[in-house]
Amino acid sequence: MAYAARTRVAVPKTQGEIISLLAKVGAKDHSIGVEQGTAFAAFRFKNLLVKVTVPLPKDNNDQKLRTRWRLLFSILKFRFESIAEGGRVFEMEFLADVVTDAGGATVGQIMLPHLQKANGPLALAEAAPDREVRAAIAAVDAFTKSKTDDS
């Protein structure tokens, strides 16, 4: 069964809850909407522009729309609660959703094709087009290996 498949909460109410949540956590310049078949919440936090999206159903079924908007709200709520409780840090929790350029691409959208092609961290580093990205991936790989060697 899909998450919130039986929700009765109307889309506008959920959208209001998203805006309230973003204001409560101190996000700036927040907006919500629909773009290219996805529901999104965009906001600025710690000088980072973030855009969290969920795909919308193709058939515009009202129940499925309510379910997807509840999913977006829940994703945001759980992420911010995990940060507030000290279990996570903002930058790691939202890394894939950080907008990287004026074109609107997120870190996740840029890295996903490389992850799909790669077979492990070193292969990802070799496949990545940017020298800084390759260096970061190589550093993570080296750190991971050092922790494995310590065990």
C-alpha atoms as a PDB file:
ATOM      1  CA  MET A   1       0.000   0.000   0.000  1.00  0.00           C
ATOM      2  CA  ALA A   2       1.285   3.461  -0.895  1.00  0.00           C
ATOM      3  CA  TYR A   3       2.155   5.935   1.833  1.00  0.00           C
ATOM      4  CA  ALA A   4      -0.903   7.991   2.875  1.00  0.00           C
ATOM      5  CA  ALA A   5      -2.974   6.188   0.245  1.00  0.00           C
ATOM      6  CA  ARG A   6      -6.158   6.871   2.192  1.00  0.00           C
ATOM      7  CA  THR A   7      -5.441  10.431   3.270  1.00  0.00           C
ATOM      8  CA  ARG A   8      -8.386  12.791   3.297  1.00  0.00           C
ATOM      9  CA  VAL A   9      -6.249  15.902   3.662  1.00  0.00           C
ATOM     10  CA  ALA A  10      -6.890  18.215   0.717  1.00  0.00           C
ATOM     11  CA  VAL A  11      -3.918  19.345  -1.381  1.00  0.00           C
ATOM     12  CA  PRO A  12      -4.286  23.051  -0.425  1.00  0.00           C
ATOM     13  CA  LYS A  13      -4.227  22.146   3.295  1.00  0.00           C
ATOM     14  CA  THR A  14      -1.048  20.084   2.819  1.00  0.00           C
ATOM     15  CA  GLN A  15       0.524  22.901   0.820  1.00  0.00           C
ATOM     16  CA  GLY A  16      -0.251  25.263   3.692  1.00  0.00           C
ATOM     17  CA  GLU A  17       1.363  22.831   6.126  1.00  0.00           C
ATOM     18  CA  ILE A  18       4.498  22.737   3.966  1.00  0.00           C
ATOM     19  CA  ILE A  19       4.727  26.544   3.925  1.00  0.00           C
ATOM     20  CA  SER A  20       4.162  26.659   7.700  1.00  0.00           C
ATOM     21  CA  LEU A  21       6.847  24.031   8.300  1.00  0.00           C
ATOM     22  CA  LEU A  22       9.379  25.882   6.156  1.00  0.00           C
ATOM     23  CA  ALA A  23       8.635  29.154   7.965  1.00  0.00           C
ATOM     24  CA  LYS A  24       8.884  27.429  11.365  1.00  0.00           C
ATOM     25  CA  VAL A  25      12.366  26.025  10.635  1.00  0.00           C
ATOM     26  CA  GLY A  26      13.593  29.384   9.377  1.00  0.00           C
ATOM     27  CA  ALA A  27      13.732  28.654   5.649  1.00  0.00           C
ATOM     28  CA  LYS A  28      13.748  31.781   3.497  1.00  0.00           C
ATOM     29  CA  ASP A  29      12.301  32.483   0.047  1.00  0.00           C
ATOM     30  CA  HIS A  30      10.134  29.378   0.205  1.00  0.00           C
ATOM     31  CA  SER A  31       7.740  28.383  -2.535  1.00  0.00           C
ATOM     32  CA  ILE A  32       5.753  25.345  -3.542  1.00  0.00           C
ATOM     33  CA  GLY A  33       4.243  24.338  -6.827  1.00  0.00           C
ATOM     34  CA  VAL A  34       4.025  21.952  -9.720  1.00  0.00           C
ATOM     35  CA  GLU A  35       6.619  21.808 -12.467  1.00  0.00           C
ATOM     36  CA  GLN A  36       7.138  19.254 -15.230  1.00  0.00           C
ATOM     37  CA  GLY A  37       5.014  16.568 -13.576  1.00  0.00           C
ATOM     38  CA  THR A  38       6.460  17.009 -10.082  1.00  0.00           C
ATOM     39  CA  ALA A  39       5.318  18.670  -6.897  1.00  0.00           C
ATOM     40  CA  PHE A  40       8.086  20.730  -5.336  1.00  0.00           C
ATOM     41  CA  ALA A  41       9.051  22.733  -2.295  1.00  0.00           C
ATOM     42  CA  ALA A  42      11.913  25.167  -2.848  1.00  0.00           C
ATOM     43  CA  PHE A  43      13.586  27.233  -0.160  1.00  0.00           C
ATOM     44  CA  ARG A  44      16.794  28.878   0.993  1.00  0.00           C
ATOM     45  CA  PHE A  45      18.457  27.583   4.150  1.00  0.00           C
ATOM     46  CA  LYS A  46      22.005  28.239   5.365  1.00  0.00           C
ATOM     47  CA  ASN A  47      22.638  30.131   2.111  1.00  0.00           C
ATOM     48  CA  LEU A  48      21.798  27.048   0.058  1.00  0.00           C
ATOM     49  CA  LEU A  49      18.954  26.877  -2.440  1.00  0.00           C
ATOM     50  CA  VAL A  50      17.123  23.580  -2.011  1.00  0.00           C
ATOM     51  CA  LYS A  51      14.407  22.011  -4.151  1.00  0.00           C
ATOM     52  CA  VAL A  52      12.705  18.828  -2.957  1.00  0.00           C
ATOM     53  CA  THR A  53      10.461  17.119  -5.482  1.00  0.00           C
ATOM     54  CA  VAL A  54       8.124  14.155  -5.772  1.00  0.00           C
ATOM     55  CA  PRO A  55       6.654  12.904  -9.041  1.00  0.00           C
ATOM     56  CA  LEU A  56       2.943  13.444  -9.515  1.00  0.00           C
ATOM     57  CA  PRO A  57       0.608  10.800 -10.947  1.00  0.00           C
ATOM     58  CA  LYS A  58       0.076  11.073 -14.678  1.00  0.00           C
ATOM     59  CA  ASP A  59      -3.691  10.605 -14.421  1.00  0.00           C
ATOM     60  CA  ASN A  60      -4.387  13.548 -12.025  1.00  0.00           C
ATOM     61  CA  ASN A  61      -6.419  11.244  -9.779  1.00  0.00           C
ATOM     62  CA  ASP A  62      -7.439  13.379  -6.779  1.00  0.00           C
ATOM     63  CA  GLN A  63      -6.584  10.692  -4.208  1.00  0.00           C
ATOM     64  CA  LYS A  64      -3.171  10.087  -5.756  1.00  0.00           C
ATOM     65  CA  LEU A  65      -2.493  13.843  -5.801  1.00  0.00           C
ATOM     66  CA  ARG A  66      -3.362  14.113  -2.092  1.00  0.00           C
ATOM     67  CA  THR A  67      -1.093  11.138  -1.391  1.00  0.00           C
ATOM     68  CA  ARG A  68       1.884  12.647  -3.244  1.00  0.00           C
ATOM     69  CA  TRP A  69       1.554  16.035  -1.560  1.00  0.00           C
ATOM     70  CA  ARG A  70       1.379  14.302   1.851  1.00  0.00           C
ATOM     71  CA  LEU A  71       4.529  12.425   0.877  1.00  0.00           C
ATOM     72  CA  LEU A  72       6.339  15.686   0.095  1.00  0.00           C
ATOM     73  CA  PHE A  73       5.227  17.165   3.417  1.00  0.00           C
ATOM     74  CA  SER A  74       6.336  14.058   5.304  1.00  0.00           C
ATOM     75  CA  ILE A  75       9.749  13.984   3.621  1.00  0.00           C
ATOM     76  CA  LEU A  76      10.379  17.579   4.676  1.00  0.00           C
ATOM     77  CA  LYS A  77       8.994  17.087   8.168  1.00  0.00           C
ATOM     78  CA  PHE A  78      11.027  13.942   8.876  1.00  0.00           C
ATOM     79  CA  ARG A  79      14.218  15.492   7.526  1.00  0.00           C
ATOM     80  CA  PHE A  80      13.866  18.639   9.620  1.00  0.00           C
ATOM     81  CA  GLU A  81      12.919  16.623  12.712  1.00  0.00           C
ATOM     82  CA  SER A  82      15.996  14.417  12.307  1.00  0.00           C
ATOM     83  CA  ILE A  83      18.129  17.561  12.094  1.00  0.00           C
ATOM     84  CA  ALA A  84      16.437  19.143  15.140  1.00  0.00           C
ATOM     85  CA  GLU A  85      17.012  15.994  17.189  1.00  0.00           C
ATOM     86  CA  GLY A  86      20.722  16.054  16.355  1.00  0.00           C
ATOM     87  CA  GLY A  87      20.714  12.845  14.380  1.00  0.00           C
ATOM     88  CA  ARG A  88      21.562  14.515  11.072  1.00  0.00           C
ATOM     89  CA  VAL A  89      23.025  17.767   9.730  1.00  0.00           C
ATOM     90  CA  PHE A  90      21.218  19.918   7.205  1.00  0.00           C
ATOM     91  CA  GLU A  91      23.869  19.732   4.488  1.00  0.00           C
ATOM     92  CA  MET A  92      23.911  15.932   4.483  1.00  0.00           C
ATOM     93  CA  GLU A  93      20.164  15.513   4.819  1.00  0.00           C
ATOM     94  CA  PHE A  94      19.433  17.769   1.829  1.00  0.00           C
ATOM     95  CA  LEU A  95      22.632  17.317  -0.226  1.00  0.00           C
ATOM     96  CA  ALA A  96      20.958  15.658  -3.209  1.00  0.00           C
ATOM     97  CA  ASP A  97      18.363  18.458  -3.326  1.00  0.00           C
ATOM     98  CA  VAL A  98      20.770  21.416  -3.327  1.00  0.00           C
ATOM     99  CA  VAL A  99      20.360  23.453  -6.524  1.00  0.00           C
ATOM    100  CA  THR A 100      23.746  23.907  -8.170  1.00  0.00           C
ATOM    101  CA  ASP A 101      23.234  26.375 -11.007  1.00  0.00           C
ATOM    102  CA  ALA A 102      20.866  28.798 -12.690  1.00  0.00           C
ATOM    103  CA  GLY A 103      19.501  25.937 -14.786  1.00  0.00           C
ATOM    104  CA  GLY A 104      17.978  24.435 -11.664  1.00  0.00           C
ATOM    105  CA  ALA A 105      19.868  21.126 -11.627  1.00  0.00           C
ATOM    106  CA  THR A 106      20.327  19.597  -8.198  1.00  0.00           C
ATOM    107  CA  VAL A 107      23.365  17.744  -6.901  1.00  0.00           C
ATOM    108  CA  GLY A 108      21.336  14.543  -7.142  1.00  0.00           C
ATOM    109  CA  GLN A 109      20.335  15.155 -10.766  1.00  0.00           C
ATOM    110  CA  ILE A 110      23.964  15.780 -11.698  1.00  0.00           C
ATOM    111  CA  MET A 111      25.409  12.822  -9.797  1.00  0.00           C
ATOM    112  CA  LEU A 112      22.739  10.184 -10.496  1.00  0.00           C
ATOM    113  CA  PRO A 113      23.857   9.340 -14.058  1.00  0.00           C
ATOM    114  CA  HIS A 114      27.430   8.916 -12.810  1.00  0.00           C
ATOM    115  CA  LEU A 115      26.310   6.688  -9.955  1.00  0.00           C
ATOM    116  CA  GLN A 116      24.278   4.560 -12.342  1.00  0.00           C
ATOM    117  CA  LYS A 117      27.285   4.084 -14.651  1.00  0.00           C
ATOM    118  CA  ALA A 118      29.847   3.542 -11.914  1.00  0.00           C
ATOM    119  CA  ASN A 119      30.757   0.328 -10.203  1.00  0.00           C
ATOM    120  CA  GLY A 120      31.960   1.537  -6.808  1.00  0.00           C
ATOM    121  CA  PRO A 121      33.378   4.854  -5.556  1.00  0.00           C
ATOM    122  CA  LEU A 122      36.609   4.772  -7.577  1.00  0.00           C
ATOM    123  CA  ALA A 123      34.730   4.065 -10.790  1.00  0.00           C
ATOM    124  CA  LEU A 124      32.442   6.977  -9.920  1.00  0.00           C
ATOM    125  CA  ALA A 125      35.450   9.240  -9.433  1.00  0.00           C
ATOM    126  CA  GLU A 126      36.784   8.265 -12.845  1.00  0.00           C
ATOM    127  CA  ALA A 127      33.400   8.783 -14.523  1.00  0.00           C
ATOM    128  CA  ALA A 128      32.721  12.183 -12.942  1.00  0.00           C
ATOM    129  CA  PRO A 129      33.429  15.097 -15.293  1.00  0.00           C
ATOM    130  CA  ASP A 130      34.552  17.605 -12.690  1.00  0.00           C
ATOM    131  CA  ARG A 131      37.985  17.422 -11.041  1.00  0.00           C
ATOM    132  CA  GLU A 132      36.598  18.583  -7.678  1.00  0.00           C
ATOM    133  CA  VAL A 133      33.847  15.959  -7.764  1.00  0.00           C
ATOM    134  CA  ARG A 134      36.409  13.262  -8.600  1.00  0.00           C
ATOM    135  CA  ALA A 135      38.633  14.419  -5.724  1.00  0.00           C
ATOM    136  CA  ALA A 136      35.724  14.378  -3.251  1.00  0.00           C
ATOM    137  CA  ILE A 137      34.686  10.888  -4.285  1.00  0.00           C
ATOM    138  CA  ALA A 138      38.260   9.636  -4.085  1.00  0.00           C
ATOM    139  CA  ALA A 139      38.562  11.108  -0.571  1.00  0.00           C
ATOM    140  CA  VAL A 140      35.388   9.340   0.531  1.00  0.00           C
ATOM    141  CA  ASP A 141      36.698   6.100  -0.958  1.00  0.00           C
ATOM    142  CA  ALA A 142      40.031   6.473   0.845  1.00  0.00           C
ATOM    143  CA  PHE A 143      38.253   7.231   4.132  1.00  0.00           C
ATOM    144  CA  THR A 144      36.004   4.196   3.683  1.00  0.00           C
ATOM    145  CA  LYS A 145      38.990   1.955   2.976  1.00  0.00           C
ATOM    146  CA  SER A 146      40.876   3.270   6.023  1.00  0.00           C
ATOM    147  CA  LYS A 147      37.888   2.469   8.259  1.00  0.00           C
ATOM    148  CA  THR A 148      37.673  -1.023   6.739  1.00  0.00           C
ATOM    149  CA  ASP A 149      41.413  -1.565   7.272  1.00  0.00           C
ATOM    150  CA  ASP A 150      41.069  -0.449  10.937  1.00  0.00           C
ATOM    151  CA  SER A 151      38.488  -3.152  11.651  1.00  0.00           C
END
